Amino acid sequence: MTSIQLRASKIAAYLSLSLAAPLFAQPSEATERLRERNKMFAPSVIKVAENVYTAIGYQVSANSMIVGDDGIIIVDPGQLPAAAAKVREAFEEITSLPVRAIIYTHGHGDHTNGAPAFFEPGHGIEVWARENYGSETSAVQRKGLGGGLRASNTQGFDLPPEQRLGIGIAIPPDRRPAGNMMQDGTRPRAARPMRVQPTHRFSEDRRALVIAGVELELVAAPGETADQLYVWLPGQRVVFAGDNFYQSWPNVYPLRGTARRSLRDWIESIDKMVGQDPLHVVGGHTAPILDDAKAVLTNYRDAMQWVLDRTLEGLRQFMTPDELVEYTRLPARFASLDYLADYYGTVEGTVRDLYAQDLGWFDGDPLTLHRESPRKQSERIADLAGGVDALVDKARQAMDADDPVGAAQLLRHVIRLRPEDREPKRMMADALAIVAERTLNGPVRNYTYSYSNRYRREAGEAR
C-alpha cells in the first residue's frame, strides 16, 4: 500500500468513526469514555431521598421534585416546555399533588424555560430566585453580544446528530430542539415560549422557607453565574447545587465567550455546601451523587483551590499562559477522579482565563507587542518550508504519521495563502475530524467538528 493509499485508508477510518459508523477503526479512548459516560443519561427518575426525586435524560438539565405535605416543589424545570411536560408526567406517576413552588438555581434558559409545563397562572405558585436573577443574560444583552460570537457552536447545535456524541450536558442527539438555536442553547427571541418570571426574590445570603410543609433554605452561591443559588434540604441532607456542580471539571471559561466567571467565588460557594455536611448532591446536569456528597464536593473545592494557588504561584514566577498550562496539570489525587475530568470545562481553560482576568491580554512575551499579521506569519513559514507546495507535502506527511494536529497547523498557513484552493481545505477538514474524535471535552470536540464541517463545505463536499 502506498503512502497516499495508507493516508486515504486512515482518513476513511476516522471519518467513518466520526459519522458514528466505526467500520474500519476502533473508536478513540475519548470517544469510548464519552459513550460510557452517556449511559447515565438514559431517561429516568432517580430517588435521591425519601421525598426527593430527580429526572435525568429527559432534557438538558437535571429536574428535581421535592414532595411536601400538600404539594410539590420543582427545582429547575428545564429547557423546553414540551420536554418538561414529559418530566411532569413522570413525576405524576409518583404523586398527584399540585405544584406549590418552582425554584430557579440561576437564570440560564436550560434551567428555566421549561417552567410553563409546571406553572399554572392563578394557582398561587411561588417562583423563587435571587434578587439578581438573570444578571448574566442582561449583561450580555447590554453589551450587544447576544446570539453567539463564535463562528461555530460549542454545544454542538450546528452538528448533524451522528457527530453529536455529546458530553452528558448537551441535549441528546435524538431529542434536539427544533428550530435555530442560540449559543446558550435557547431559541431566538421570536421563537421563545412564554417565560415564567420569579414571583419571589431574596437579596440576603440565606433565606429559610417552609413550602408545603417542607423546611428548606435558599443560599446565595455565585459561581457559574453571579445569580446562582443552591437549595439546602436539611431534613434529608440534600443540596441542589445548580450548575456550581456537575460531574466534570467546572466550566469556568465558556468557549462561547459571553460570560466571565469567578473561580474564587465558585470555590467559596462549594465551600458553603461542604459546610452543610450534605449526604446527597444534585448537580445541574449529571446524575445525583448519593451518600458521598461531602467527600465529592470537598474534592471539587480542593481541586479548584489547587489550580488557583498553582496559577498564582506561576504568575509570581513570570510564567506565560502556555507555561502555566503545563505547570498546573492536576496531581494524581485529583486527575484520577472521573467527576473532575475535562468533560465540560477544562483545567487549561480555567488557567488561561485566570491569567486574563488577573493580568489582562498581554502574555509577557515582548514579541506579542510586535506581532505580525497572520498572513505575514504564514508567508514566513512557507518560505522556511520551501514554498506553499512544500507546506502541503509536509502536511500530508504529518497525516501519514498520524499527526493530525501538526497537519492542521501547517494547513492553516496554506489556507491563508491560497484561500481559493479546495484541496488544503479538504485536508484540513480530515485533520480536524480526527482531532475532534479524539477529544474528550464536549465543547472543544463540538467546536472542532463544526470547523471540520465548515472546511469540508468550502472544499465543495457537503456536510
Protein backbone atom coordinates (compact mmCIF):
# COMPACT_ATOMS: atom_id res chain seq x y z
CA MET A 1 0.00 0.00 0.00
CA THR A 2 1.43 3.39 -1.00
CA SER A 3 1.66 6.27 1.47
CA ILE A 4 -1.22 8.00 -0.32
CA GLN A 5 -3.36 4.86 -0.11
CA LEU A 6 -2.42 4.43 3.55
CA ARG A 7 -3.39 8.01 4.27
CA ALA A 8 -6.70 7.56 2.45
CA SER A 9 -7.39 4.40 4.44
CA LYS A 10 -6.69 6.18 7.75
CA ILE A 11 -8.88 9.12 6.85
CA ALA A 12 -11.72 6.87 5.73
CA ALA A 13 -11.49 5.00 9.01
CA TYR A 14 -11.59 8.09 11.16
CA LEU A 15 -14.27 9.80 9.12
CA SER A 16 -16.47 6.73 9.26
CA LEU A 17 -15.91 6.74 13.00
CA SER A 18 -16.86 10.40 13.26
CA LEU A 19 -20.09 9.59 11.46
CA ALA A 20 -20.99 7.03 14.12
CA ALA A 21 -20.16 4.03 11.89
CA PRO A 22 -16.79 2.68 13.12
CA LEU A 23 -16.32 0.16 10.31
CA PHE A 24 -12.58 0.47 9.79
CA ALA A 25 -11.09 1.50 13.15
CA GLN A 26 -11.63 1.30 16.85
CA PRO A 27 -13.00 4.43 18.50
CA SER A 28 -10.55 6.57 20.40
CA GLU A 29 -10.26 6.40 24.17
CA ALA A 30 -12.04 9.76 24.40
CA THR A 31 -14.99 8.51 22.36
CA GLU A 32 -15.23 5.32 24.42
CA ARG A 33 -15.22 7.32 27.65
CA LEU A 34 -17.94 9.62 26.38
CA ARG A 35 -20.09 6.70 25.26
CA GLU A 36 -19.71 5.04 28.64
CA ARG A 37 -20.44 8.27 30.46
CA ASN A 38 -23.56 8.94 28.43
CA LYS A 39 -25.15 5.77 29.73
CA MET A 40 -26.13 7.75 32.83
CA PHE A 41 -28.42 9.90 30.66
CA ALA A 42 -31.00 7.31 29.75
CA PRO A 43 -34.29 8.99 30.76
CA SER A 44 -35.00 8.03 34.35
CA VAL A 45 -36.26 9.35 37.66
CA ILE A 46 -33.81 8.81 40.48
CA LYS A 47 -34.94 8.68 44.09
CA VAL A 48 -32.49 10.88 45.96
CA ALA A 49 -34.13 10.78 49.40
CA GLU A 50 -37.48 9.79 50.90
CA ASN A 51 -39.35 12.69 49.29
CA VAL A 52 -36.81 13.88 46.70
CA TYR A 53 -36.69 12.77 43.06
CA THR A 54 -34.51 13.91 40.15
CA ALA A 55 -35.27 13.39 36.46
CA ILE A 56 -32.25 12.79 34.24
CA GLY A 57 -32.10 12.45 30.46
CA TYR A 58 -35.44 14.00 29.61
CA GLN A 59 -33.83 17.32 28.79
CA VAL A 60 -30.52 19.12 29.03
CA SER A 61 -30.66 19.87 32.77
CA ALA A 62 -31.48 17.80 35.84
CA ASN A 63 -35.03 18.50 37.08
CA SER A 64 -35.99 17.77 40.67
CA MET A 65 -39.15 17.35 42.71
CA ILE A 66 -39.49 17.71 46.47
CA VAL A 67 -42.71 16.18 47.77
CA GLY A 68 -44.33 18.06 50.64
CA ASP A 69 -47.46 17.59 52.75
CA ASP A 70 -49.92 19.13 50.31
CA GLY A 71 -47.87 19.89 47.21
CA ILE A 72 -44.57 19.63 45.43
CA ILE A 73 -41.61 21.94 44.84
CA ILE A 74 -39.83 21.87 41.47
CA VAL A 75 -36.14 22.75 41.35
CA ASP A 76 -35.05 23.78 37.83
CA PRO A 77 -37.92 22.88 35.46
CA GLY A 78 -35.59 22.65 32.47
CA GLN A 79 -35.12 23.96 28.96
CA LEU A 80 -38.24 23.29 26.90
CA PRO A 81 -41.91 23.15 27.91
CA ALA A 82 -42.56 20.04 25.78
CA ALA A 83 -39.69 18.12 27.38
CA ALA A 84 -40.58 19.46 30.84
CA ALA A 85 -44.13 18.16 30.30
CA LYS A 86 -42.66 14.66 29.96
CA VAL A 87 -40.84 15.20 33.24
CA ARG A 88 -44.09 16.28 34.87
CA GLU A 89 -45.79 13.13 33.59
CA ALA A 90 -43.01 11.04 35.13
CA PHE A 91 -43.32 12.90 38.44
CA GLU A 92 -47.11 12.45 38.43
CA GLU A 93 -46.56 8.69 38.44
CA ILE A 94 -45.06 9.23 41.90
CA THR A 95 -47.53 11.79 43.28
CA SER A 96 -50.56 13.69 42.07
CA LEU A 97 -50.02 16.59 44.49
CA PRO A 98 -50.14 20.05 42.87
CA VAL A 99 -47.16 22.30 42.28
CA ARG A 100 -46.72 24.78 45.12
CA ALA A 101 -43.39 26.35 44.15
CA ILE A 102 -40.69 26.47 41.48
CA ILE A 103 -37.09 27.34 42.31
CA TYR A 104 -34.58 28.58 39.76
CA THR A 105 -30.99 27.87 40.77
CA HIS A 106 -29.93 30.51 38.22
CA GLY A 107 -31.16 32.32 35.13
CA HIS A 108 -29.87 30.16 32.28
CA GLY A 109 -32.64 29.17 29.88
CA ASP A 110 -31.80 25.46 30.05
CA HIS A 111 -32.95 25.56 33.69
CA THR A 112 -35.89 27.96 33.42
CA ASN A 113 -37.59 27.85 30.02
CA GLY A 114 -39.45 24.65 30.86
CA ALA A 115 -41.38 26.36 33.67
CA PRO A 116 -44.66 26.71 31.68
CA ALA A 117 -45.08 22.93 31.99
CA PHE A 118 -45.33 23.30 35.78
CA PHE A 119 -46.61 26.83 36.31
CA GLU A 120 -50.37 27.42 36.34
CA PRO A 121 -51.38 31.11 36.48
CA GLY A 122 -53.78 31.98 39.26
CA HIS A 123 -52.92 28.99 41.46
CA GLY A 124 -50.62 30.86 43.83
CA ILE A 125 -47.45 29.04 42.72
CA GLU A 126 -44.36 30.71 44.15
CA VAL A 127 -41.39 31.09 41.82
CA TRP A 128 -38.17 31.75 43.72
CA ALA A 129 -34.83 33.15 42.57
CA ARG A 130 -32.15 35.52 43.78
CA GLU A 131 -32.57 39.27 43.52
CA ASN A 132 -30.01 39.44 40.68
CA TYR A 133 -31.75 36.70 38.70
CA GLY A 134 -30.84 36.89 35.01
CA SER A 135 -27.86 39.18 35.58
CA GLU A 136 -25.58 37.31 33.17
CA THR A 137 -28.08 37.39 30.32
CA SER A 138 -28.84 41.06 30.97
CA ALA A 139 -25.14 41.96 30.93
CA VAL A 140 -24.63 40.18 27.61
CA GLN A 141 -27.60 41.96 26.09
CA ARG A 142 -26.43 45.37 27.35
CA LYS A 143 -23.11 44.79 25.62
CA GLY A 144 -24.86 43.84 22.40
CA LEU A 145 -23.20 40.44 22.43
CA GLY A 146 -26.23 38.17 22.34
CA GLY A 147 -26.80 35.49 19.73
CA GLY A 148 -23.33 33.96 19.90
CA LEU A 149 -19.97 35.43 18.94
CA ARG A 150 -18.23 32.34 17.60
CA ALA A 151 -18.40 31.04 14.08
CA SER A 152 -19.31 27.60 15.42
CA ASN A 153 -21.48 26.40 18.28
CA THR A 154 -19.73 24.90 21.29
CA GLN A 155 -22.82 22.95 22.36
CA GLY A 156 -22.98 21.15 19.03
CA PHE A 157 -26.32 22.52 17.94
CA ASP A 158 -24.93 23.10 14.44
CA LEU A 159 -23.69 19.50 14.08
CA PRO A 160 -25.55 16.60 12.50
CA PRO A 161 -26.89 14.19 15.13
CA GLU A 162 -24.39 11.45 14.34
CA GLN A 163 -21.49 13.74 15.25
CA ARG A 164 -23.04 14.94 18.50
CA LEU A 165 -21.89 12.16 20.73
CA GLY A 166 -22.33 14.71 23.47
CA ILE A 167 -20.96 15.19 26.94
CA GLY A 168 -23.91 14.36 29.11
CA ILE A 169 -24.67 18.06 29.33
CA ALA A 170 -25.64 18.79 25.75
CA ILE A 171 -29.09 17.69 24.64
CA PRO A 172 -29.05 14.05 23.43
CA PRO A 173 -29.00 13.81 19.60
CA ASP A 174 -32.43 12.21 19.28
CA ARG A 175 -34.03 14.97 21.33
CA ARG A 176 -32.50 18.09 19.79
CA PRO A 177 -34.81 21.11 19.91
CA ALA A 178 -36.28 22.09 16.59
CA GLY A 179 -35.51 25.44 15.07
CA ASN A 180 -32.46 27.69 15.22
CA MET A 181 -30.53 27.69 18.47
CA MET A 182 -28.50 30.37 20.20
CA GLN A 183 -25.05 29.75 21.66
CA ASP A 184 -26.55 29.21 25.11
CA GLY A 185 -28.99 26.64 23.76
CA THR A 186 -32.01 28.94 23.80
CA ARG A 187 -34.18 29.83 20.84
CA PRO A 188 -34.05 33.20 19.07
CA ARG A 189 -36.28 35.68 20.85
CA ALA A 190 -39.20 35.50 18.41
CA ALA A 191 -39.46 31.70 18.80
CA ARG A 192 -39.15 31.52 22.59
CA PRO A 193 -42.01 30.15 24.67
CA MET A 194 -43.63 32.10 27.47
CA ARG A 195 -41.18 32.99 30.23
CA VAL A 196 -42.24 32.47 33.82
CA GLN A 197 -40.61 35.24 35.83
CA PRO A 198 -39.83 34.90 39.54
CA THR A 199 -42.64 35.96 41.86
CA HIS A 200 -40.34 35.95 44.91
CA ARG A 201 -36.71 37.04 45.15
CA PHE A 202 -34.25 37.29 48.01
CA SER A 203 -31.20 39.52 48.42
CA GLU A 204 -29.71 38.21 51.66
CA ASP A 205 -27.10 35.46 51.84
CA ARG A 206 -29.59 32.86 53.06
CA ARG A 207 -33.39 32.63 53.13
CA ALA A 208 -35.22 29.99 55.18
CA LEU A 209 -38.60 28.90 53.84
CA VAL A 210 -41.39 26.48 54.60
CA ILE A 211 -43.30 25.42 51.48
CA ALA A 212 -45.90 22.63 51.50
CA GLY A 213 -44.64 21.74 54.96
CA VAL A 214 -41.05 21.33 53.71
CA GLU A 215 -38.29 23.24 55.53
CA LEU A 216 -35.57 24.39 53.16
CA GLU A 217 -33.01 27.14 52.66
CA LEU A 218 -32.06 29.12 49.59
CA VAL A 219 -28.40 30.17 49.74
CA ALA A 220 -26.61 32.72 47.53
CA ALA A 221 -23.82 30.87 45.72
CA PRO A 222 -22.17 32.82 42.86
CA GLY A 223 -20.06 30.61 40.64
CA GLU A 224 -21.02 29.55 37.16
CA THR A 225 -23.29 32.60 37.21
CA ALA A 226 -23.46 35.57 39.55
CA ASP A 227 -27.15 34.83 40.22
CA GLN A 228 -26.55 31.22 41.27
CA LEU A 229 -28.11 29.77 44.42
CA TYR A 230 -28.22 26.36 45.99
CA VAL A 231 -31.14 24.73 47.77
CA TRP A 232 -30.43 23.08 51.11
CA LEU A 233 -32.84 20.48 52.43
CA PRO A 234 -31.63 19.96 56.00
CA GLY A 235 -34.01 17.16 56.96
CA GLN A 236 -32.68 14.91 54.20
CA ARG A 237 -29.20 16.49 53.95
CA VAL A 238 -29.70 17.12 50.23
CA VAL A 239 -28.06 20.04 48.44
CA PHE A 240 -29.31 21.09 44.99
CA ALA A 241 -26.15 22.69 43.64
CA GLY A 242 -27.40 24.06 40.34
CA ASP A 243 -24.58 24.50 37.82
CA ASN A 244 -21.96 25.01 40.51
CA PHE A 245 -21.57 21.24 40.43
CA TYR A 246 -21.84 18.60 37.74
CA GLN A 247 -19.67 15.58 37.15
CA SER A 248 -16.94 17.39 35.21
CA TRP A 249 -14.27 20.00 35.73
CA PRO A 250 -16.29 23.21 36.12
CA ASN A 251 -16.81 25.32 33.02
CA VAL A 252 -15.05 28.38 34.43
CA TYR A 253 -14.46 29.73 30.94
CA PRO A 254 -17.24 29.02 28.41
CA LEU A 255 -15.80 28.90 24.90
CA ARG A 256 -18.70 30.97 23.60
CA GLY A 257 -17.00 33.84 25.43
CA THR A 258 -20.06 35.78 26.57
CA ALA A 259 -19.52 35.49 30.32
CA ARG A 260 -16.63 35.85 32.75
CA ARG A 261 -16.82 33.58 35.77
CA SER A 262 -15.00 33.90 39.07
CA LEU A 263 -13.14 30.78 40.22
CA ARG A 264 -12.68 32.44 43.59
CA ASP A 265 -16.44 32.86 44.07
CA TRP A 266 -17.03 29.33 42.84
CA ILE A 267 -14.64 27.91 45.44
CA GLU A 268 -16.33 29.85 48.22
CA SER A 269 -19.77 28.64 47.16
CA ILE A 270 -18.70 24.99 47.09
CA ASP A 271 -17.12 25.53 50.50
CA LYS A 272 -20.52 26.67 51.80
CA MET A 273 -22.07 23.45 50.55
CA VAL A 274 -19.36 21.36 52.18
CA GLY A 275 -20.07 23.19 55.44
CA GLN A 276 -23.67 21.96 55.35
CA ASP A 277 -22.41 18.36 55.78
CA PRO A 278 -24.53 17.07 52.85
CA LEU A 279 -25.26 13.41 52.24
CA HIS A 280 -26.54 13.79 48.66
CA VAL A 281 -25.85 16.39 45.98
CA VAL A 282 -27.99 17.06 42.91
CA GLY A 283 -25.93 18.74 40.19
CA GLY A 284 -27.23 20.92 37.42
CA HIS A 285 -26.86 18.36 34.63
CA THR A 286 -25.44 14.99 35.61
CA ALA A 287 -26.85 12.23 37.82
CA PRO A 288 -27.05 12.96 41.55
CA ILE A 289 -24.24 11.84 43.85
CA LEU A 290 -25.80 9.71 46.57
CA ASP A 291 -24.38 9.05 50.05
CA ASP A 292 -20.96 10.59 49.29
CA ALA A 293 -21.74 14.25 48.65
CA LYS A 294 -19.44 15.80 51.22
CA ALA A 295 -16.36 13.91 50.06
CA VAL A 296 -17.08 14.66 46.40
CA LEU A 297 -17.73 18.36 46.98
CA THR A 298 -14.62 18.59 49.14
CA ASN A 299 -12.50 17.20 46.30
CA TYR A 300 -14.23 19.55 43.87
CA ARG A 301 -13.42 22.57 46.06
CA ASP A 302 -9.87 21.46 46.82
CA ALA A 303 -9.02 20.78 43.16
CA MET A 304 -10.20 24.25 42.16
CA GLN A 305 -8.25 25.79 45.03
CA TRP A 306 -5.15 23.85 43.97
CA VAL A 307 -5.42 25.22 40.41
CA LEU A 308 -5.94 28.76 41.70
CA ASP A 309 -2.96 28.55 44.08
CA ARG A 310 -0.73 26.91 41.47
CA THR A 311 -1.63 29.52 38.86
CA LEU A 312 -0.83 32.37 41.24
CA GLU A 313 2.45 30.68 42.12
CA GLY A 314 3.34 30.51 38.42
CA LEU A 315 2.33 34.12 37.88
CA ARG A 316 4.80 35.18 40.55
CA GLN A 317 7.47 33.38 38.50
CA PHE A 318 6.51 35.41 35.41
CA MET A 319 5.18 32.39 33.56
CA THR A 320 3.29 32.88 30.31
CA PRO A 321 -0.16 31.31 29.84
CA ASP A 322 1.33 28.44 27.81
CA GLU A 323 3.83 27.73 30.58
CA LEU A 324 1.13 27.95 33.24
CA VAL A 325 -0.96 25.31 31.47
CA GLU A 326 1.91 22.84 31.86
CA TYR A 327 2.64 23.98 35.41
CA THR A 328 -0.92 23.48 36.66
CA ARG A 329 -1.68 19.95 35.48
CA LEU A 330 -3.76 18.27 38.18
CA PRO A 331 -1.93 15.99 40.60
CA ALA A 332 -2.90 12.31 40.52
CA ARG A 333 -5.19 12.57 43.55
CA PHE A 334 -7.49 14.82 41.55
CA ALA A 335 -6.73 13.69 37.98
CA SER A 336 -7.86 10.17 38.83
CA LEU A 337 -11.38 11.32 39.76
CA ASP A 338 -13.76 10.97 36.84
CA TYR A 339 -16.05 13.75 38.12
CA LEU A 340 -13.10 16.14 37.78
CA ALA A 341 -12.26 15.14 34.20
CA ASP A 342 -12.41 17.69 31.39
CA TYR A 343 -15.82 16.64 30.07
CA TYR A 344 -17.31 20.14 30.02
CA GLY A 345 -14.88 22.66 31.46
CA THR A 346 -11.10 22.29 31.24
CA VAL A 347 -8.25 22.97 33.61
CA GLU A 348 -6.41 24.65 30.73
CA GLY A 349 -9.31 26.99 30.02
CA THR A 350 -9.53 27.84 33.72
CA VAL A 351 -5.83 28.70 33.91
CA ARG A 352 -5.89 30.81 30.78
CA ASP A 353 -8.92 32.74 31.97
CA LEU A 354 -7.41 33.31 35.40
CA TYR A 355 -4.39 34.81 33.67
CA ALA A 356 -6.58 37.03 31.50
CA GLN A 357 -8.73 38.17 34.41
CA ASP A 358 -5.79 38.92 36.71
CA LEU A 359 -3.18 40.22 34.23
CA GLY A 360 -5.07 41.03 31.02
CA TRP A 361 -4.38 40.05 27.41
CA PHE A 362 -0.59 40.59 27.39
CA ASP A 363 1.21 37.28 27.97
CA GLY A 364 4.57 38.79 28.91
CA ASP A 365 6.34 37.86 25.67
CA PRO A 366 7.78 41.05 24.08
CA LEU A 367 7.09 39.72 20.58
CA THR A 368 3.40 39.77 21.44
CA LEU A 369 3.77 43.55 21.45
CA HIS A 370 5.18 43.41 17.91
CA ARG A 371 3.03 40.70 16.38
CA GLU A 372 2.99 40.37 12.62
CA SER A 373 -0.22 39.85 10.68
CA PRO A 374 -1.43 36.25 10.26
CA ARG A 375 -0.65 36.39 6.55
CA LYS A 376 2.89 37.63 7.18
CA GLN A 377 3.45 34.81 9.66
CA SER A 378 2.21 32.31 7.09
CA GLU A 379 4.49 33.75 4.42
CA ARG A 380 7.48 33.27 6.73
CA ILE A 381 6.53 29.65 7.47
CA ALA A 382 6.03 28.90 3.76
CA ASP A 383 9.40 30.47 2.97
CA LEU A 384 11.11 28.31 5.60
CA ALA A 385 9.41 25.19 4.25
CA GLY A 386 10.44 25.93 0.68
CA GLY A 387 7.12 27.25 -0.59
CA VAL A 388 3.41 26.61 -0.23
CA ASP A 389 3.56 23.30 -2.12
CA ALA A 390 6.23 22.12 0.31
CA LEU A 391 3.94 23.03 3.20
CA VAL A 392 1.19 20.89 1.67
CA ASP A 393 3.63 17.98 1.31
CA LYS A 394 4.67 18.39 4.95
CA ALA A 395 1.02 18.35 5.97
CA ARG A 396 0.47 15.11 4.05
CA GLN A 397 3.49 13.61 5.79
CA ALA A 398 2.08 14.64 9.16
CA MET A 399 -1.21 12.93 8.34
CA ASP A 400 0.63 9.78 7.25
CA ALA A 401 2.47 9.89 10.58
CA ASP A 402 -0.86 10.10 12.44
CA ASP A 403 -0.23 13.69 13.49
CA PRO A 404 -3.46 15.50 12.56
CA VAL A 405 -2.77 18.45 14.87
CA GLY A 406 0.59 19.03 13.19
CA ALA A 407 -1.02 18.74 9.79
CA ALA A 408 -3.70 21.25 10.72
CA GLN A 409 -1.08 23.72 11.99
CA LEU A 410 0.65 23.59 8.60
CA LEU A 411 -2.55 23.67 6.58
CA ARG A 412 -3.70 26.81 8.38
CA HIS A 413 -0.82 28.65 6.70
CA VAL A 414 -1.60 27.13 3.31
CA ILE A 415 -5.25 28.17 3.51
CA ARG A 416 -4.29 31.73 4.43
CA LEU A 417 -2.02 31.96 1.40
CA ARG A 418 -4.25 30.05 -1.04
CA PRO A 419 -7.81 30.62 0.15
CA GLU A 420 -9.20 29.63 -3.27
CA ASP A 421 -7.55 26.17 -3.20
CA ARG A 422 -10.04 23.47 -2.17
CA GLU A 423 -7.63 20.60 -1.55
CA PRO A 424 -5.93 22.09 1.56
CA LYS A 425 -9.39 22.78 2.98
CA ARG A 426 -10.42 19.17 2.41
CA MET A 427 -7.22 18.04 4.11
CA MET A 428 -7.90 20.43 6.99
CA ALA A 429 -11.41 19.01 7.31
CA ASP A 430 -9.96 15.50 7.54
CA ALA A 431 -7.38 16.51 10.14
CA LEU A 432 -9.86 18.36 12.33
CA ALA A 433 -12.35 15.48 12.17
CA ILE A 434 -9.68 13.14 13.57
CA VAL A 435 -8.69 15.65 16.26
CA ALA A 436 -12.34 16.10 17.25
CA GLU A 437 -12.96 12.36 17.52
CA ARG A 438 -10.01 12.06 19.91
CA THR A 439 -11.13 14.95 22.12
CA LEU A 440 -12.81 14.29 25.48
CA ASN A 441 -14.05 17.79 26.23
CA GLY A 442 -17.51 18.29 24.77
CA PRO A 443 -17.41 21.97 23.76
CA VAL A 444 -13.92 21.61 22.27
CA ARG A 445 -14.97 18.45 20.44
CA ASN A 446 -18.13 20.11 19.09
CA TYR A 447 -16.32 23.26 18.01
CA THR A 448 -13.60 21.29 16.25
CA TYR A 449 -16.10 19.08 14.41
CA SER A 450 -18.04 22.17 13.37
CA TYR A 451 -14.95 23.76 11.85
CA SER A 452 -14.12 20.48 10.10
CA ASN A 453 -17.58 20.56 8.53
CA ARG A 454 -17.12 24.21 7.60
CA TYR A 455 -13.88 23.48 5.74
CA ARG A 456 -15.49 20.47 4.07
CA ARG A 457 -18.28 22.66 2.72
CA GLU A 458 -15.75 25.21 1.46
CA ALA A 459 -13.95 22.34 -0.27
CA GLY A 460 -17.16 21.52 -2.09
CA GLU A 461 -18.07 18.46 -0.03
CA ALA A 462 -21.49 18.66 1.56
CA ARG A 463 -21.75 18.27 5.34
